[in-house]
Amino acid sequence: MRRTNGPDSFPRPAARGRPFPKGNSGRKLGSKNRSTLLTVALLEGETDALLRTAIDLALAGDGPMLKFLLSRLLPRERRITIELPEMEFADDGVEALGSIMRAELTPLIWRT
């Protein structure tokens, strides 16, 4: 059965396309919101005090602040590659896993 454009047809979503008229590419790369610029201006010169307060809160036991600071300080998770020995039987996989657990086979850091 064919659909028609009559009153019983489903509404069509708006057509997707260029978000701005031709010749207007929008905001320039690197430009910031007015609120961001105001925040930066207000906090100028206060970064050391704010950082010290954040560290003191984390050391006092504020869990979310500690998690935030550590997420910024610790390196992100990276993919690793482990070269395993030749495996012919299921028992060989158990031995390979044991070697990894004993740190006999060390992972190679995958740089991306």
C-alpha atoms as a PDB file:
ATOM      1  CA  MET A   1       0.000   0.000   0.000  1.00  0.00           C
ATOM      2  CA  ARG A   2       1.397   3.404  -0.993  1.00  0.00           C
ATOM      3  CA  ARG A   3       1.561   6.321   1.368  1.00  0.00           C
ATOM      4  CA  THR A   4       0.141   9.578   0.191  1.00  0.00           C
ATOM      5  CA  ASN A   5       0.619  13.109   1.359  1.00  0.00           C
ATOM      6  CA  GLY A   6      -2.937  13.205   2.646  1.00  0.00           C
ATOM      7  CA  PRO A   7      -4.059  13.816   6.235  1.00  0.00           C
ATOM      8  CA  ASP A   8      -3.449  10.152   7.195  1.00  0.00           C
ATOM      9  CA  SER A   9       0.248  10.189   6.255  1.00  0.00           C
ATOM     10  CA  PHE A  10       3.016  10.343   8.850  1.00  0.00           C
ATOM     11  CA  PRO A  11       4.747  13.680   9.424  1.00  0.00           C
ATOM     12  CA  ARG A  12       8.140  13.850   7.775  1.00  0.00           C
ATOM     13  CA  PRO A  13      11.150  14.975   9.794  1.00  0.00           C
ATOM     14  CA  ALA A  14      12.768  18.256   8.847  1.00  0.00           C
ATOM     15  CA  ALA A  15      15.324  17.912   6.092  1.00  0.00           C
ATOM     16  CA  ARG A  16      18.902  17.885   7.315  1.00  0.00           C
ATOM     17  CA  GLY A  17      21.445  20.004   5.609  1.00  0.00           C
ATOM     18  CA  ARG A  18      23.683  22.981   6.150  1.00  0.00           C
ATOM     19  CA  PRO A  19      23.033  24.501   9.583  1.00  0.00           C
ATOM     20  CA  PHE A  20      23.842  27.996   8.274  1.00  0.00           C
ATOM     21  CA  PRO A  21      22.993  29.806   5.070  1.00  0.00           C
ATOM     22  CA  LYS A  22      25.512  29.608   2.262  1.00  0.00           C
ATOM     23  CA  GLY A  23      28.430  31.960   2.915  1.00  0.00           C
ATOM     24  CA  ASN A  24      27.888  31.940   6.702  1.00  0.00           C
ATOM     25  CA  SER A  25      29.996  29.157   8.204  1.00  0.00           C
ATOM     26  CA  GLY A  26      29.081  29.999  11.787  1.00  0.00           C
ATOM     27  CA  ARG A  27      31.453  30.779  14.612  1.00  0.00           C
ATOM     28  CA  LYS A  28      35.180  30.943  13.902  1.00  0.00           C
ATOM     29  CA  LEU A  29      37.359  28.082  15.131  1.00  0.00           C
ATOM     30  CA  GLY A  30      38.759  28.721  18.596  1.00  0.00           C
ATOM     31  CA  SER A  31      36.174  31.334  19.549  1.00  0.00           C
ATOM     32  CA  LYS A  32      34.625  30.998  23.006  1.00  0.00           C
ATOM     33  CA  ASN A  33      31.250  31.721  24.556  1.00  0.00           C
ATOM     34  CA  ARG A  34      30.827  35.035  26.334  1.00  0.00           C
ATOM     35  CA  SER A  35      30.239  33.214  29.637  1.00  0.00           C
ATOM     36  CA  THR A  36      33.521  31.320  29.221  1.00  0.00           C
ATOM     37  CA  LEU A  37      35.404  34.557  28.589  1.00  0.00           C
ATOM     38  CA  LEU A  38      33.826  36.142  31.687  1.00  0.00           C
ATOM     39  CA  THR A  39      34.694  33.131  33.835  1.00  0.00           C
ATOM     40  CA  VAL A  40      38.301  33.188  32.669  1.00  0.00           C
ATOM     41  CA  ALA A  41      38.535  36.907  33.401  1.00  0.00           C
ATOM     42  CA  LEU A  42      37.085  36.470  36.910  1.00  0.00           C
ATOM     43  CA  LEU A  43      39.394  33.584  37.783  1.00  0.00           C
ATOM     44  CA  GLU A  44      42.541  35.209  36.440  1.00  0.00           C
ATOM     45  CA  GLY A  45      45.165  35.248  39.193  1.00  0.00           C
ATOM     46  CA  GLU A  46      43.129  32.899  41.422  1.00  0.00           C
ATOM     47  CA  THR A  47      44.192  29.601  39.882  1.00  0.00           C
ATOM     48  CA  ASP A  48      46.868  28.845  42.490  1.00  0.00           C
ATOM     49  CA  ALA A  49      44.469  29.426  45.387  1.00  0.00           C
ATOM     50  CA  LEU A  50      41.729  27.362  43.731  1.00  0.00           C
ATOM     51  CA  LEU A  51      44.104  24.513  43.018  1.00  0.00           C
ATOM     52  CA  ARG A  52      45.403  24.559  46.598  1.00  0.00           C
ATOM     53  CA  THR A  53      41.790  24.465  47.897  1.00  0.00           C
ATOM     54  CA  ALA A  54      40.956  21.541  45.598  1.00  0.00           C
ATOM     55  CA  ILE A  55      44.012  19.606  46.807  1.00  0.00           C
ATOM     56  CA  ASP A  56      43.162  20.336  50.454  1.00  0.00           C
ATOM     57  CA  LEU A  57      39.592  19.105  49.920  1.00  0.00           C
ATOM     58  CA  ALA A  58      40.851  15.909  48.274  1.00  0.00           C
ATOM     59  CA  LEU A  59      43.326  15.294  51.088  1.00  0.00           C
ATOM     60  CA  ALA A  60      40.559  15.881  53.654  1.00  0.00           C
ATOM     61  CA  GLY A  61      38.587  12.998  52.135  1.00  0.00           C
ATOM     62  CA  ASP A  62      36.356  14.604  49.508  1.00  0.00           C
ATOM     63  CA  GLY A  63      35.966  11.612  47.178  1.00  0.00           C
ATOM     64  CA  PRO A  64      34.626  13.375  44.069  1.00  0.00           C
ATOM     65  CA  MET A  65      37.377  16.011  44.260  1.00  0.00           C
ATOM     66  CA  LEU A  66      40.024  13.306  44.629  1.00  0.00           C
ATOM     67  CA  LYS A  67      38.578  11.448  41.640  1.00  0.00           C
ATOM     68  CA  PHE A  68      38.563  14.668  39.580  1.00  0.00           C
ATOM     69  CA  LEU A  69      42.177  15.521  40.415  1.00  0.00           C
ATOM     70  CA  LEU A  70      43.414  11.987  39.763  1.00  0.00           C
ATOM     71  CA  SER A  71      41.583  11.862  36.425  1.00  0.00           C
ATOM     72  CA  ARG A  72      43.569  14.911  35.375  1.00  0.00           C
ATOM     73  CA  LEU A  73      46.922  13.706  36.734  1.00  0.00           C
ATOM     74  CA  LEU A  74      47.017  10.014  35.823  1.00  0.00           C
ATOM     75  CA  PRO A  75      47.563   8.906  32.231  1.00  0.00           C
ATOM     76  CA  ARG A  76      44.551   7.625  30.336  1.00  0.00           C
ATOM     77  CA  GLU A  77      44.039   3.939  29.762  1.00  0.00           C
ATOM     78  CA  ARG A  78      45.920   2.658  26.767  1.00  0.00           C
ATOM     79  CA  ARG A  79      45.556  -0.376  24.607  1.00  0.00           C
ATOM     80  CA  ILE A  80      48.235  -3.000  25.214  1.00  0.00           C
ATOM     81  CA  THR A  81      49.470  -5.889  23.135  1.00  0.00           C
ATOM     82  CA  ILE A  82      50.655  -9.124  24.685  1.00  0.00           C
ATOM     83  CA  GLU A  83      52.505 -11.590  22.512  1.00  0.00           C
ATOM     84  CA  LEU A  84      51.375 -15.050  23.580  1.00  0.00           C
ATOM     85  CA  PRO A  85      53.189 -18.311  22.963  1.00  0.00           C
ATOM     86  CA  GLU A  86      51.834 -20.767  20.385  1.00  0.00           C
ATOM     87  CA  MET A  87      48.661 -22.461  21.664  1.00  0.00           C
ATOM     88  CA  GLU A  88      47.515 -25.856  20.394  1.00  0.00           C
ATOM     89  CA  PHE A  89      45.274 -26.992  23.235  1.00  0.00           C
ATOM     90  CA  ALA A  90      42.986 -25.295  25.763  1.00  0.00           C
ATOM     91  CA  ASP A  91      45.488 -26.038  28.528  1.00  0.00           C
ATOM     92  CA  ASP A  92      48.051 -23.858  26.728  1.00  0.00           C
ATOM     93  CA  GLY A  93      45.736 -20.851  27.262  1.00  0.00           C
ATOM     94  CA  VAL A  94      45.703 -21.504  30.992  1.00  0.00           C
ATOM     95  CA  GLU A  95      49.502 -21.631  31.028  1.00  0.00           C
ATOM     96  CA  ALA A  96      49.703 -18.369  29.040  1.00  0.00           C
ATOM     97  CA  LEU A  97      47.334 -16.659  31.463  1.00  0.00           C
ATOM     98  CA  GLY A  98      49.451 -17.915  34.351  1.00  0.00           C
ATOM     99  CA  SER A  99      52.544 -16.441  32.689  1.00  0.00           C
ATOM    100  CA  ILE A 100      50.809 -13.081  32.399  1.00  0.00           C
ATOM    101  CA  MET A 101      49.719 -13.215  36.046  1.00  0.00           C
ATOM    102  CA  ARG A 102      53.289 -13.975  37.143  1.00  0.00           C
ATOM    103  CA  ALA A 103      54.492 -11.098  34.913  1.00  0.00           C
ATOM    104  CA  GLU A 104      56.691 -13.390  32.855  1.00  0.00           C
ATOM    105  CA  LEU A 105      55.016 -11.990  29.717  1.00  0.00           C
ATOM    106  CA  THR A 106      54.958  -8.208  29.858  1.00  0.00           C
ATOM    107  CA  PRO A 107      52.558  -6.069  27.834  1.00  0.00           C
ATOM    108  CA  LEU A 108      53.845  -3.775  25.124  1.00  0.00           C
ATOM    109  CA  ILE A 109      52.281  -0.307  25.305  1.00  0.00           C
ATOM    110  CA  TRP A 110      50.294   0.422  22.165  1.00  0.00           C
ATOM    111  CA  ARG A 111      50.988   4.056  21.250  1.00  0.00           C
ATOM    112  CA  THR A 112      48.068   5.766  19.527  1.00  0.00           C
END
